[in-house]
Amino acid sequence: MLGMFFSMIGLLLLNSFMIWEVRFWVMMLMSFFCLKYLNVEVWGNMCLEYLYCDSMSGILVILTLWISGLMLLASNYSIKYMNNKSLVFSFVVLILCVVVILYFLCIHTMYFYIFFEISLVPTLMLIIGWGYQPERLQAGMYMMLYTITASLPLLISLIVLGDLYSSFNMILIYYLNCFTILYDVNILWFLGMMGAFLVKLPMFSVHLWLPKAHVEAPIAGSMILAGVLLKLGGYGILRVLSVFFLNELMFSKIFMIVCLWGGFITAIICVGQSDVKSLIAYSSVGHMGLMLAGVLCKFMWGWEGAMLMMVSHGFCSSGLFCLANLMYEKFKSRSLFLCGGMVNTNSIMCLWWFLFCVANMGAPPFVNLVSEIMLFCSLYMYSVKYIVIILLMVFMGGLYNLIMFINIQHGGVMSFMNSSFINVCSEYLLLFLHFYPMLFFILNVGVLNKIYLF
């Protein structure tokens, strides 16, 4: 793992005429090499007492490397072919990848907080530097205000906890907590610790920055937002709850109700969307809300399902954004009402749209189905009353995915559309590399049993 880290630092300093391709291949090869660590229970300390890797962070490190490599592949036409500052773009993507990996590996709470905040800067550069429309400045401002406002209470809470335990090492605090459990903590303390992660997740009611950021971001920005940056919040909540054992019963129940109700509301919003990217962004809010509800019910199945949901949603949502971008590059429009009848012009892309829509609604044979079943069962065990909202979410999830698929693929072909356009091999490779993990990770779901039993 240290070899991977130093080689990525070397990539940042490297300068050659094929640097784009070198950075792409190194990140993809790194993600393949790291796959063998999925079956290792604890990787151990890597750099004094600051970096540490276990199965929970290991899976997300692999996801980060994989999605970061695919970002370069997806941006091949819009950035490299169009010569749109491609060297700076690949440098920013690599910086973001390194920062996110360091966040997943840090066990020192101050560095954990610092890398959590620094990840905002490269994302902002992607949105403002390579976004499509003038509104990208407003989207960047939304994202900064939401994140920075919620992160100051987190910093204060982490400093107070460090003073309480006389240590900032999360592994040491975890073992100390075996003797002193913070069972019924102060409400302000609980909100301070969770607030920044809930915004980055994002939980319903603090999610308004996400659709704006997705719509204005380039394809790489949307991919890293959906595939990796939403997982920063989920990983932070899992790590904080597992290390500090924070248990504030009243607010946990309120958050669960807000998440489930928000998932239903965002599904209704998805049905009325006309922009494909906006629809996919709102669906992410619903999926991440379900994941948070599964974590807060504090069943082992809920935590394992939440981890699986983060991984499967990362690939599925990122793949849907790639499909939306391919459609935009061909038709110069993302409107559901203008881009109809694609099954008549390109039947292979129709198949890809079908597969990813099916995965997004949580249907077999994809691993998304397993994650949703685990989360639904844990919520049902927590309270039988949740079954009503769960059934409504399942119905609405299927509805908006079907509406998106039917509007894009069926109906009459608009006169401005070129009926003879073709796709190149790199586009099929991009979609296959999103599709393959969702299909085959279902064979190794047992890896989740090891994540929380260390």
Protein backbone atom coordinates (compact mmCIF):
# COMPACT_ATOMS: atom_id res chain seq x y z
CA MET A 1 0.00 0.00 0.00
CA LEU A 2 2.88 2.38 0.74
CA GLY A 3 4.32 1.51 -2.68
CA MET A 4 1.02 2.52 -4.27
CA PHE A 5 1.01 5.78 -2.33
CA PHE A 6 4.57 6.77 -3.30
CA SER A 7 4.05 5.81 -6.95
CA MET A 8 1.03 8.13 -7.09
CA ILE A 9 3.14 10.95 -5.60
CA GLY A 10 5.69 10.20 -8.36
CA LEU A 11 2.94 10.43 -10.97
CA LEU A 12 2.18 13.96 -9.78
CA LEU A 13 5.79 14.99 -10.45
CA LEU A 14 6.12 13.14 -13.76
CA ASN A 15 6.04 15.18 -16.96
CA SER A 16 5.95 13.55 -20.39
CA PHE A 17 3.96 13.85 -23.58
CA MET A 18 1.86 10.74 -22.75
CA ILE A 19 1.26 11.66 -19.12
CA TRP A 20 -2.56 11.34 -19.51
CA GLU A 21 -2.28 7.71 -20.61
CA VAL A 22 0.38 6.89 -17.99
CA ARG A 23 -1.76 8.28 -15.17
CA PHE A 24 -4.83 6.40 -16.42
CA TRP A 25 -3.04 3.05 -16.69
CA VAL A 26 -1.26 3.36 -13.34
CA MET A 27 -4.52 4.09 -11.48
CA MET A 28 -6.34 1.20 -13.18
CA LEU A 29 -3.47 -1.23 -12.52
CA MET A 30 -3.27 -0.09 -8.89
CA SER A 31 -6.97 -0.82 -8.41
CA PHE A 32 -6.49 -4.33 -9.86
CA PHE A 33 -3.44 -5.01 -7.65
CA CYS A 34 -5.34 -3.87 -4.54
CA LEU A 35 -8.23 -6.30 -5.21
CA LYS A 36 -6.30 -9.10 -3.47
CA TYR A 37 -6.60 -7.17 -0.19
CA LEU A 38 -10.39 -7.60 -0.10
CA ASN A 39 -9.92 -10.89 1.77
CA VAL A 40 -7.39 -9.56 4.29
CA GLU A 41 -9.01 -8.79 7.63
CA VAL A 42 -6.60 -6.13 8.91
CA TRP A 43 -3.79 -4.72 6.79
CA GLY A 44 -2.15 -2.98 9.74
CA ASN A 45 -0.13 0.15 10.36
CA MET A 46 1.66 1.60 7.36
CA CYS A 47 3.28 4.83 8.55
CA LEU A 48 3.94 5.23 12.29
CA GLU A 49 0.61 5.97 13.99
CA TYR A 50 -0.99 8.06 11.23
CA LEU A 51 -1.98 5.63 8.46
CA TYR A 52 -3.83 2.38 9.06
CA CYS A 53 -5.90 0.19 6.81
CA ASP A 54 -8.59 -2.36 7.54
CA SER A 55 -11.24 -3.95 5.34
CA MET A 56 -13.68 -1.04 5.65
CA SER A 57 -11.25 1.54 4.30
CA GLY A 58 -9.63 -0.97 1.92
CA ILE A 59 -12.79 -1.46 -0.17
CA LEU A 60 -13.25 2.31 -0.49
CA VAL A 61 -9.59 2.82 -1.48
CA ILE A 62 -10.11 0.35 -4.33
CA LEU A 63 -13.33 2.15 -5.33
CA THR A 64 -11.49 5.51 -5.35
CA LEU A 65 -8.67 4.24 -7.56
CA TRP A 66 -11.11 2.55 -9.95
CA ILE A 67 -13.41 5.55 -10.36
CA SER A 68 -10.47 7.99 -10.65
CA GLY A 69 -9.03 5.96 -13.52
CA LEU A 70 -12.42 5.81 -15.24
CA MET A 71 -12.74 9.61 -14.87
CA LEU A 72 -9.80 10.04 -17.24
CA LEU A 73 -11.28 7.50 -19.66
CA ALA A 74 -14.67 9.25 -19.63
CA SER A 75 -13.08 12.68 -20.20
CA ASN A 76 -10.98 11.49 -23.12
CA TYR A 77 -13.09 13.30 -25.75
CA SER A 78 -14.24 16.41 -23.87
CA ILE A 79 -10.86 17.20 -22.26
CA LYS A 80 -7.98 15.47 -24.07
CA TYR A 81 -9.27 15.34 -27.65
CA MET A 82 -10.62 18.90 -27.43
CA ASN A 83 -7.32 19.98 -25.80
CA ASN A 84 -9.10 21.59 -22.86
CA LYS A 85 -6.17 21.96 -20.39
CA SER A 86 -5.73 18.20 -20.24
CA LEU A 87 -2.45 18.20 -18.25
CA VAL A 88 -3.91 20.38 -15.48
CA PHE A 89 -7.10 18.28 -15.49
CA SER A 90 -5.31 14.95 -15.00
CA PHE A 91 -3.15 16.57 -12.29
CA VAL A 92 -6.25 17.76 -10.39
CA VAL A 93 -7.88 14.31 -10.70
CA LEU A 94 -4.74 12.67 -9.32
CA ILE A 95 -4.49 15.15 -6.43
CA LEU A 96 -8.14 14.46 -5.56
CA CYS A 97 -7.53 10.70 -5.67
CA VAL A 98 -4.50 10.95 -3.34
CA VAL A 99 -6.35 13.21 -0.86
CA VAL A 100 -9.39 10.90 -0.71
CA ILE A 101 -7.20 7.80 -0.22
CA LEU A 102 -5.34 9.56 2.62
CA TYR A 103 -8.70 10.39 4.20
CA PHE A 104 -9.73 6.73 4.11
CA LEU A 105 -6.40 5.63 5.61
CA CYS A 106 -5.96 8.24 8.39
CA ILE A 107 -6.55 7.24 12.00
CA HIS A 108 -5.26 10.50 13.53
CA THR A 109 -8.47 12.48 14.03
CA MET A 110 -6.93 15.85 13.07
CA TYR A 111 -5.52 14.56 9.77
CA PHE A 112 -8.81 12.73 9.25
CA TYR A 113 -10.56 16.12 9.48
CA ILE A 114 -7.97 17.95 7.35
CA PHE A 115 -8.16 15.54 4.41
CA PHE A 116 -11.95 15.51 4.68
CA GLU A 117 -11.92 19.29 4.12
CA ILE A 118 -9.10 19.42 1.54
CA SER A 119 -11.06 17.13 -0.80
CA LEU A 120 -13.39 20.11 -1.36
CA VAL A 121 -10.69 22.15 -3.15
CA PRO A 122 -9.90 19.86 -6.16
CA THR A 123 -13.65 19.16 -6.56
CA LEU A 124 -14.31 22.89 -6.69
CA MET A 125 -11.53 23.29 -9.28
CA LEU A 126 -13.13 20.57 -11.44
CA ILE A 127 -16.57 22.21 -11.30
CA ILE A 128 -15.42 25.81 -11.86
CA GLY A 129 -12.59 25.05 -14.30
CA TRP A 130 -14.30 22.51 -16.57
CA GLY A 131 -18.03 23.02 -15.90
CA TYR A 132 -20.51 23.64 -18.71
CA GLN A 133 -22.54 26.72 -17.74
CA PRO A 134 -22.11 30.08 -15.94
CA GLU A 135 -24.19 28.74 -13.02
CA ARG A 136 -21.20 26.58 -12.02
CA LEU A 137 -19.94 29.45 -9.82
CA GLN A 138 -23.21 29.39 -7.87
CA ALA A 139 -23.02 25.58 -7.60
CA GLY A 140 -19.46 25.80 -6.25
CA MET A 141 -20.52 28.45 -3.75
CA TYR A 142 -23.41 26.26 -2.56
CA MET A 143 -21.07 23.34 -2.04
CA MET A 144 -18.49 25.41 -0.15
CA LEU A 145 -21.03 27.10 2.13
CA TYR A 146 -22.78 23.86 3.07
CA THR A 147 -19.53 21.97 3.73
CA ILE A 148 -17.63 24.69 5.61
CA THR A 149 -20.62 25.67 7.77
CA ALA A 150 -21.11 22.10 8.99
CA SER A 151 -17.40 21.29 9.40
CA LEU A 152 -16.51 23.78 12.17
CA PRO A 153 -18.61 21.92 14.84
CA LEU A 154 -16.87 18.69 13.74
CA LEU A 155 -13.44 20.24 14.35
CA ILE A 156 -14.44 21.46 17.82
CA SER A 157 -15.97 18.06 18.69
CA LEU A 158 -12.84 16.18 17.59
CA ILE A 159 -10.61 18.51 19.66
CA VAL A 160 -12.85 18.00 22.72
CA LEU A 161 -12.77 14.21 22.26
CA GLY A 162 -8.99 14.29 21.85
CA ASP A 163 -8.72 16.18 25.13
CA LEU A 164 -11.16 13.78 26.83
CA TYR A 165 -9.16 10.66 25.85
CA SER A 166 -5.73 12.41 25.84
CA SER A 167 -5.19 10.89 22.41
CA PHE A 168 -6.06 11.56 18.78
CA ASN A 169 -5.43 7.98 17.63
CA MET A 170 -8.73 6.35 16.66
CA ILE A 171 -7.49 2.78 17.19
CA LEU A 172 -6.35 3.59 20.74
CA ILE A 173 -9.65 5.38 21.47
CA TYR A 174 -11.54 2.34 20.13
CA TYR A 175 -9.87 0.08 22.73
CA LEU A 176 -10.29 2.66 25.50
CA ASN A 177 -14.01 2.75 24.72
CA CYS A 178 -14.28 -0.92 25.64
CA PHE A 179 -14.11 0.35 29.25
CA THR A 180 -15.85 3.75 28.99
CA ILE A 181 -18.77 3.88 26.57
CA LEU A 182 -20.30 7.28 25.72
CA TYR A 183 -23.81 5.92 25.85
CA ASP A 184 -26.15 8.87 26.21
CA VAL A 185 -24.13 11.80 24.85
CA ASN A 186 -25.13 15.45 24.68
CA ILE A 187 -27.36 16.36 21.71
CA LEU A 188 -25.05 19.19 20.59
CA TRP A 189 -22.05 16.86 20.71
CA PHE A 190 -23.83 14.26 18.59
CA LEU A 191 -24.93 16.88 16.03
CA GLY A 192 -21.46 18.43 15.96
CA MET A 193 -19.81 15.09 15.19
CA MET A 194 -22.37 14.01 12.60
CA GLY A 195 -23.27 17.32 10.90
CA ALA A 196 -20.35 17.58 8.45
CA PHE A 197 -20.73 13.94 7.41
CA LEU A 198 -24.50 14.33 6.93
CA VAL A 199 -23.92 17.29 4.58
CA LYS A 200 -21.32 15.40 2.53
CA LEU A 201 -23.50 12.26 2.41
CA PRO A 202 -25.91 14.22 1.78
CA MET A 203 -28.91 13.68 4.04
CA PHE A 204 -32.28 14.99 2.87
CA SER A 205 -32.77 18.66 3.93
CA VAL A 206 -29.04 19.44 3.55
CA HIS A 207 -28.84 18.04 0.01
CA LEU A 208 -29.54 21.15 -2.10
CA TRP A 209 -25.90 21.60 -3.11
CA LEU A 210 -25.71 18.13 -4.73
CA PRO A 211 -28.09 18.48 -7.72
CA LYS A 212 -26.63 21.91 -8.51
CA ALA A 213 -23.06 20.60 -8.36
CA HIS A 214 -23.92 17.56 -10.52
CA VAL A 215 -25.71 19.54 -13.22
CA GLU A 216 -22.89 22.09 -13.56
CA ALA A 217 -19.94 19.69 -13.19
CA PRO A 218 -18.14 18.04 -16.12
CA ILE A 219 -18.47 14.29 -16.47
CA ALA A 220 -15.39 13.64 -14.30
CA GLY A 221 -16.80 15.92 -11.59
CA SER A 222 -20.11 14.07 -11.59
CA MET A 223 -18.36 10.70 -11.48
CA ILE A 224 -16.13 11.58 -8.53
CA LEU A 225 -19.04 13.24 -6.70
CA ALA A 226 -21.35 10.25 -7.09
CA GLY A 227 -18.74 7.51 -6.95
CA VAL A 228 -16.38 8.67 -4.21
CA LEU A 229 -17.12 12.00 -2.50
CA LEU A 230 -20.58 10.96 -1.23
CA LYS A 231 -18.79 8.01 0.37
CA LEU A 232 -16.63 10.37 2.46
CA GLY A 233 -19.71 11.18 4.54
CA GLY A 234 -20.82 7.54 4.79
CA TYR A 235 -17.35 6.32 5.76
CA GLY A 236 -17.00 9.16 8.30
CA ILE A 237 -20.28 8.21 9.99
CA LEU A 238 -19.36 4.50 10.09
CA ARG A 239 -15.89 5.25 11.46
CA VAL A 240 -17.06 7.77 14.06
CA LEU A 241 -19.89 5.54 15.33
CA SER A 242 -17.65 2.46 15.48
CA VAL A 243 -14.76 4.25 17.23
CA PHE A 244 -16.54 6.60 19.63
CA PHE A 245 -19.74 4.54 20.17
CA LEU A 246 -21.81 7.73 20.06
CA ASN A 247 -25.38 6.82 20.91
CA GLU A 248 -27.95 9.58 21.03
CA LEU A 249 -31.22 7.71 20.77
CA MET A 250 -33.65 10.55 20.10
CA PHE A 251 -31.77 12.14 17.22
CA SER A 252 -30.95 8.75 15.70
CA LYS A 253 -34.68 8.07 15.35
CA ILE A 254 -35.31 11.56 13.94
CA PHE A 255 -32.52 11.12 11.37
CA MET A 256 -33.89 7.73 10.32
CA ILE A 257 -37.38 9.16 9.75
CA VAL A 258 -35.97 12.16 7.84
CA CYS A 259 -33.81 9.86 5.67
CA LEU A 260 -36.64 7.47 4.76
CA TRP A 261 -39.17 10.22 4.19
CA GLY A 262 -36.55 12.16 2.21
CA GLY A 263 -35.89 9.09 0.06
CA PHE A 264 -39.58 8.95 -0.83
CA ILE A 265 -39.78 12.72 -1.50
CA THR A 266 -36.67 12.70 -3.72
CA ALA A 267 -38.11 9.74 -5.65
CA ILE A 268 -41.22 11.84 -6.35
CA ILE A 269 -38.94 14.74 -7.41
CA CYS A 270 -37.10 12.36 -9.78
CA VAL A 271 -40.38 11.49 -11.52
CA GLY A 272 -40.87 15.18 -12.41
CA GLN A 273 -37.32 15.90 -13.61
CA SER A 274 -36.56 16.73 -17.24
CA ASP A 275 -32.73 16.87 -16.94
CA VAL A 276 -31.14 13.40 -16.89
CA LYS A 277 -28.20 14.45 -14.68
CA SER A 278 -30.52 16.12 -12.19
CA LEU A 279 -32.67 12.97 -12.02
CA ILE A 280 -29.63 10.76 -11.31
CA ALA A 281 -28.40 13.24 -8.68
CA TYR A 282 -31.71 13.21 -6.81
CA SER A 283 -31.78 9.40 -6.93
CA SER A 284 -28.36 9.46 -5.17
CA VAL A 285 -29.91 11.41 -2.27
CA GLY A 286 -32.55 8.68 -1.83
CA HIS A 287 -29.99 5.84 -1.94
CA MET A 288 -27.62 7.52 0.53
CA GLY A 289 -30.57 8.31 2.84
CA LEU A 290 -31.47 4.62 2.90
CA MET A 291 -27.85 3.77 3.64
CA LEU A 292 -27.75 6.22 6.59
CA ALA A 293 -31.00 4.81 8.01
CA GLY A 294 -29.46 1.32 7.87
CA VAL A 295 -26.38 2.54 9.77
CA LEU A 296 -28.38 4.28 12.50
CA CYS A 297 -30.52 1.22 13.23
CA LYS A 298 -27.24 -0.30 14.56
CA PHE A 299 -27.82 -3.87 13.40
CA MET A 300 -24.82 -5.70 11.94
CA TRP A 301 -26.79 -6.43 8.77
CA GLY A 302 -27.62 -2.74 8.46
CA TRP A 303 -23.94 -1.79 8.62
CA GLU A 304 -22.90 -4.46 6.13
CA GLY A 305 -25.74 -3.46 3.80
CA ALA A 306 -24.70 0.21 4.12
CA MET A 307 -21.13 -0.65 3.14
CA LEU A 308 -22.35 -2.67 0.17
CA MET A 309 -24.74 0.12 -0.81
CA MET A 310 -21.85 2.62 -0.89
CA VAL A 311 -19.79 0.42 -3.20
CA SER A 312 -22.64 -0.61 -5.52
CA HIS A 313 -24.06 2.92 -5.70
CA GLY A 314 -20.59 4.24 -6.54
CA PHE A 315 -20.39 2.12 -9.67
CA CYS A 316 -24.05 2.37 -10.68
CA SER A 317 -24.46 6.13 -10.28
CA SER A 318 -21.11 6.85 -11.93
CA GLY A 319 -22.09 4.60 -14.87
CA LEU A 320 -25.43 6.41 -15.28
CA PHE A 321 -23.61 9.76 -15.38
CA CYS A 322 -21.31 8.34 -18.08
CA LEU A 323 -24.35 7.32 -20.14
CA ALA A 324 -25.89 10.77 -19.69
CA ASN A 325 -22.62 12.37 -20.80
CA LEU A 326 -22.38 10.15 -23.90
CA MET A 327 -25.91 11.21 -24.81
CA TYR A 328 -25.01 14.87 -24.26
CA GLU A 329 -21.89 14.60 -26.44
CA LYS A 330 -23.91 13.12 -29.31
CA PHE A 331 -27.12 15.20 -29.08
CA LYS A 332 -25.92 18.33 -27.20
CA SER A 333 -28.94 17.97 -24.90
CA ARG A 334 -29.73 16.18 -21.63
CA SER A 335 -33.48 16.71 -21.77
CA LEU A 336 -35.69 13.64 -21.39
CA PHE A 337 -38.22 15.21 -23.77
CA LEU A 338 -35.80 15.96 -26.63
CA CYS A 339 -33.70 12.79 -26.64
CA GLY A 340 -36.32 10.17 -27.52
CA GLY A 341 -36.29 7.12 -29.75
CA MET A 342 -32.66 6.16 -29.12
CA VAL A 343 -33.48 2.48 -29.51
CA ASN A 344 -34.00 3.18 -33.21
CA THR A 345 -30.64 4.90 -33.65
CA ASN A 346 -28.33 2.89 -31.38
CA SER A 347 -29.68 -0.36 -29.95
CA ILE A 348 -26.44 -1.31 -28.13
CA MET A 349 -26.58 1.84 -26.00
CA CYS A 350 -30.23 1.00 -25.33
CA LEU A 351 -29.02 -2.26 -23.75
CA TRP A 352 -26.52 -0.39 -21.54
CA TRP A 353 -29.20 2.08 -20.44
CA PHE A 354 -31.47 -0.83 -19.54
CA LEU A 355 -28.79 -2.60 -17.48
CA PHE A 356 -27.86 0.48 -15.48
CA CYS A 357 -31.48 1.51 -14.89
CA VAL A 358 -32.22 -2.01 -13.63
CA ALA A 359 -29.18 -1.81 -11.32
CA ASN A 360 -30.26 1.61 -10.05
CA MET A 361 -33.70 0.34 -9.05
CA GLY A 362 -32.09 -2.56 -7.16
CA ALA A 363 -33.12 -5.55 -9.27
CA PRO A 364 -31.30 -8.87 -9.87
CA PRO A 365 -28.66 -9.93 -10.82
CA PHE A 366 -26.76 -6.93 -9.47
CA VAL A 367 -25.20 -6.49 -6.04
CA ASN A 368 -27.46 -3.45 -5.49
CA LEU A 369 -30.29 -5.92 -4.84
CA VAL A 370 -28.36 -7.59 -1.99
CA SER A 371 -27.55 -4.24 -0.35
CA GLU A 372 -31.18 -3.06 -0.50
CA ILE A 373 -32.50 -6.36 0.91
CA MET A 374 -30.04 -6.14 3.83
CA LEU A 375 -30.98 -2.53 4.56
CA PHE A 376 -34.74 -3.17 4.27
CA CYS A 377 -34.53 -6.19 6.57
CA SER A 378 -32.55 -4.30 9.22
CA LEU A 379 -35.02 -1.40 9.11
CA TYR A 380 -37.94 -3.84 9.39
CA MET A 381 -36.27 -5.44 12.44
CA TYR A 382 -35.84 -1.99 13.98
CA SER A 383 -39.50 -1.04 13.54
CA VAL A 384 -42.34 -2.79 11.71
CA LYS A 385 -43.87 0.62 10.93
CA TYR A 386 -41.07 1.39 8.49
CA ILE A 387 -42.42 -1.25 6.09
CA VAL A 388 -44.93 1.23 4.61
CA ILE A 389 -42.32 3.82 3.63
CA ILE A 390 -39.99 1.06 2.40
CA LEU A 391 -42.67 -0.28 0.02
CA LEU A 392 -43.36 3.26 -1.24
CA MET A 393 -39.62 3.81 -1.86
CA VAL A 394 -39.29 0.54 -3.79
CA PHE A 395 -42.30 1.41 -5.97
CA MET A 396 -41.14 4.98 -6.67
CA GLY A 397 -37.57 3.82 -7.32
CA GLY A 398 -38.78 1.48 -10.02
CA LEU A 399 -41.10 4.17 -11.41
CA TYR A 400 -38.56 6.94 -12.01
CA ASN A 401 -36.00 4.54 -13.50
CA LEU A 402 -38.62 3.20 -15.92
CA ILE A 403 -39.71 6.74 -16.81
CA MET A 404 -36.09 7.70 -17.55
CA PHE A 405 -35.51 4.60 -19.68
CA ILE A 406 -38.79 4.86 -21.65
CA ASN A 407 -38.47 8.60 -22.32
CA ILE A 408 -34.93 8.26 -23.65
CA GLN A 409 -35.23 4.99 -25.60
CA HIS A 410 -38.80 4.97 -26.93
CA GLY A 411 -41.00 7.44 -28.75
CA GLY A 412 -40.37 9.39 -31.93
CA VAL A 413 -36.90 10.39 -33.07
CA MET A 414 -36.41 14.16 -33.11
CA SER A 415 -35.50 15.64 -36.49
CA PHE A 416 -32.28 17.26 -35.19
CA MET A 417 -30.83 13.90 -34.11
CA ASN A 418 -28.25 12.22 -36.31
CA SER A 419 -29.50 8.70 -36.91
CA SER A 420 -26.12 7.32 -38.02
CA PHE A 421 -23.90 8.14 -35.03
CA ILE A 422 -21.66 5.39 -33.70
CA ASN A 423 -19.85 4.71 -30.45
CA VAL A 424 -16.15 4.04 -30.15
CA CYS A 425 -14.55 1.14 -28.26
CA SER A 426 -13.38 3.29 -25.33
CA GLU A 427 -17.01 4.19 -24.54
CA TYR A 428 -18.03 0.53 -24.39
CA LEU A 429 -14.97 -0.20 -22.23
CA LEU A 430 -15.93 2.62 -19.86
CA LEU A 431 -19.44 1.23 -19.40
CA PHE A 432 -18.19 -2.35 -19.05
CA LEU A 433 -15.74 -1.35 -16.29
CA HIS A 434 -18.67 0.17 -14.36
CA PHE A 435 -20.93 -2.82 -15.03
CA TYR A 436 -18.45 -5.63 -14.26
CA PRO A 437 -17.94 -4.94 -10.49
CA MET A 438 -21.71 -4.63 -9.87
CA LEU A 439 -22.28 -8.03 -11.44
CA PHE A 440 -19.35 -9.99 -9.98
CA PHE A 441 -19.04 -8.50 -6.50
CA ILE A 442 -22.18 -10.49 -5.70
CA LEU A 443 -19.95 -13.60 -5.74
CA ASN A 444 -17.85 -12.19 -2.88
CA VAL A 445 -20.43 -10.56 -0.63
CA GLY A 446 -19.04 -12.66 2.24
CA VAL A 447 -16.14 -10.19 2.48
CA LEU A 448 -18.54 -7.90 4.38
CA ASN A 449 -18.65 -10.29 7.34
CA LYS A 450 -15.01 -9.46 8.10
CA ILE A 451 -15.36 -5.67 8.02
CA TYR A 452 -16.96 -5.08 11.41
CA LEU A 453 -15.66 -8.10 13.29
CA PHE A 454 -12.12 -6.87 13.92
